[in-house]
Amino acid sequence: MKTLKEVSCGNAVKVVRLAGEGPVRRRIMDMGITKGTEVYVRKAAPFGDPVEVTVRGYELSLRKADAEMIIVE
């Protein structure tokens, strides 16, 4: 398994689980990233932070630290 941070641009993946705890995990879930959700990685900034993804039909920017907590397949 890998994290959302490791997915290259132009690929779609499915969320397996969230690794974070407490308020950070809650914030990720509130953004619509939950188990079973498909996430499309649109692009990444030059140094990889942030990563722009499409989730449930809207665009979202995630910090590398947050993307690292999202386990995907």
C-alpha atoms as a PDB file:
ATOM      1  CA  MET A   1       0.000   0.000   0.000  1.00  0.00           C
ATOM      2  CA  LYS A   2       1.090   3.545  -0.589  1.00  0.00           C
ATOM      3  CA  THR A   3       0.097   7.029   0.471  1.00  0.00           C
ATOM      4  CA  LEU A   4      -1.540   9.737  -1.606  1.00  0.00           C
ATOM      5  CA  LYS A   5       1.751  11.655  -1.425  1.00  0.00           C
ATOM      6  CA  GLU A   6       3.474   8.916  -3.482  1.00  0.00           C
ATOM      7  CA  VAL A   7       0.919   8.899  -6.324  1.00  0.00           C
ATOM      8  CA  SER A   8       2.131  10.567  -9.515  1.00  0.00           C
ATOM      9  CA  CYS A   9       0.134  13.215 -11.373  1.00  0.00           C
ATOM     10  CA  GLY A  10      -2.587  12.019 -13.717  1.00  0.00           C
ATOM     11  CA  ASN A  11      -3.476   8.894 -11.732  1.00  0.00           C
ATOM     12  CA  ALA A  12      -6.700   8.024  -9.952  1.00  0.00           C
ATOM     13  CA  VAL A  13      -6.607   5.966  -6.751  1.00  0.00           C
ATOM     14  CA  LYS A  14      -9.071   4.670  -4.177  1.00  0.00           C
ATOM     15  CA  VAL A  15      -8.802   5.550  -0.473  1.00  0.00           C
ATOM     16  CA  VAL A  16      -8.246   2.473   1.704  1.00  0.00           C
ATOM     17  CA  ARG A  17      -8.009   4.197   5.092  1.00  0.00           C
ATOM     18  CA  LEU A  18      -6.878   7.315   6.946  1.00  0.00           C
ATOM     19  CA  ALA A  19      -3.828   7.025   9.186  1.00  0.00           C
ATOM     20  CA  GLY A  20      -4.147  10.281  11.154  1.00  0.00           C
ATOM     21  CA  GLU A  21      -5.825  10.806  14.510  1.00  0.00           C
ATOM     22  CA  GLY A  22      -7.988  13.398  16.191  1.00  0.00           C
ATOM     23  CA  PRO A  23      -8.673  16.792  14.639  1.00  0.00           C
ATOM     24  CA  VAL A  24      -6.409  16.242  11.603  1.00  0.00           C
ATOM     25  CA  ARG A  25      -8.229  13.055  10.622  1.00  0.00           C
ATOM     26  CA  ARG A  26     -11.591  14.748  11.183  1.00  0.00           C
ATOM     27  CA  ARG A  27     -10.552  17.657   8.925  1.00  0.00           C
ATOM     28  CA  ILE A  28      -9.533  15.269   6.125  1.00  0.00           C
ATOM     29  CA  MET A  29     -12.867  13.451   6.431  1.00  0.00           C
ATOM     30  CA  ASP A  30     -14.741  16.775   6.405  1.00  0.00           C
ATOM     31  CA  MET A  31     -13.084  17.545   3.047  1.00  0.00           C
ATOM     32  CA  GLY A  32     -14.818  14.459   1.616  1.00  0.00           C
ATOM     33  CA  ILE A  33     -11.862  12.087   1.704  1.00  0.00           C
ATOM     34  CA  THR A  34     -13.238   8.912   3.261  1.00  0.00           C
ATOM     35  CA  LYS A  35     -12.718   5.165   2.823  1.00  0.00           C
ATOM     36  CA  GLY A  36     -13.717   4.024  -0.671  1.00  0.00           C
ATOM     37  CA  THR A  37     -13.572   7.498  -2.235  1.00  0.00           C
ATOM     38  CA  GLU A  38     -11.839   7.848  -5.599  1.00  0.00           C
ATOM     39  CA  VAL A  39      -9.187  10.583  -5.720  1.00  0.00           C
ATOM     40  CA  TYR A  40      -7.628  11.893  -8.936  1.00  0.00           C
ATOM     41  CA  VAL A  41      -4.206  13.547  -8.565  1.00  0.00           C
ATOM     42  CA  ARG A  42      -4.259  16.577 -10.884  1.00  0.00           C
ATOM     43  CA  LYS A  43      -0.900  18.220 -10.247  1.00  0.00           C
ATOM     44  CA  ALA A  44       1.763  18.988  -7.673  1.00  0.00           C
ATOM     45  CA  ALA A  45       3.650  22.199  -6.960  1.00  0.00           C
ATOM     46  CA  PRO A  46       7.316  22.292  -8.051  1.00  0.00           C
ATOM     47  CA  PHE A  47       8.580  21.084  -4.663  1.00  0.00           C
ATOM     48  CA  GLY A  48       5.630  18.724  -4.192  1.00  0.00           C
ATOM     49  CA  ASP A  49       3.727  20.839  -1.691  1.00  0.00           C
ATOM     50  CA  PRO A  50       0.756  21.236  -2.063  1.00  0.00           C
ATOM     51  CA  VAL A  51      -0.782  18.479  -4.161  1.00  0.00           C
ATOM     52  CA  GLU A  52      -3.937  19.314  -6.105  1.00  0.00           C
ATOM     53  CA  VAL A  53      -6.540  16.541  -6.288  1.00  0.00           C
ATOM     54  CA  THR A  54     -10.119  16.097  -7.474  1.00  0.00           C
ATOM     55  CA  VAL A  55     -12.446  14.499  -4.922  1.00  0.00           C
ATOM     56  CA  ARG A  56     -16.203  14.021  -5.355  1.00  0.00           C
ATOM     57  CA  GLY A  57     -16.270  16.483  -8.263  1.00  0.00           C
ATOM     58  CA  TYR A  58     -14.369  19.376  -6.697  1.00  0.00           C
ATOM     59  CA  GLU A  59     -10.731  20.434  -6.623  1.00  0.00           C
ATOM     60  CA  LEU A  60      -8.802  20.361  -3.387  1.00  0.00           C
ATOM     61  CA  SER A  61      -5.242  21.247  -2.392  1.00  0.00           C
ATOM     62  CA  LEU A  62      -3.555  19.116   0.255  1.00  0.00           C
ATOM     63  CA  ARG A  63      -0.309  19.620   2.117  1.00  0.00           C
ATOM     64  CA  LYS A  64       2.235  16.811   1.847  1.00  0.00           C
ATOM     65  CA  ALA A  65       1.788  16.075   5.554  1.00  0.00           C
ATOM     66  CA  ASP A  66      -1.955  15.537   5.045  1.00  0.00           C
ATOM     67  CA  ALA A  67      -1.479  13.505   1.835  1.00  0.00           C
ATOM     68  CA  GLU A  68       0.893  11.223   3.744  1.00  0.00           C
ATOM     69  CA  MET A  69      -1.946  10.212   6.108  1.00  0.00           C
ATOM     70  CA  ILE A  70      -4.168   8.968   3.268  1.00  0.00           C
ATOM     71  CA  ILE A  71      -3.514   5.293   2.434  1.00  0.00           C
ATOM     72  CA  VAL A  72      -4.558   4.414  -1.126  1.00  0.00           C
ATOM     73  CA  GLU A  73      -4.555   1.553  -3.635  1.00  0.00           C
END
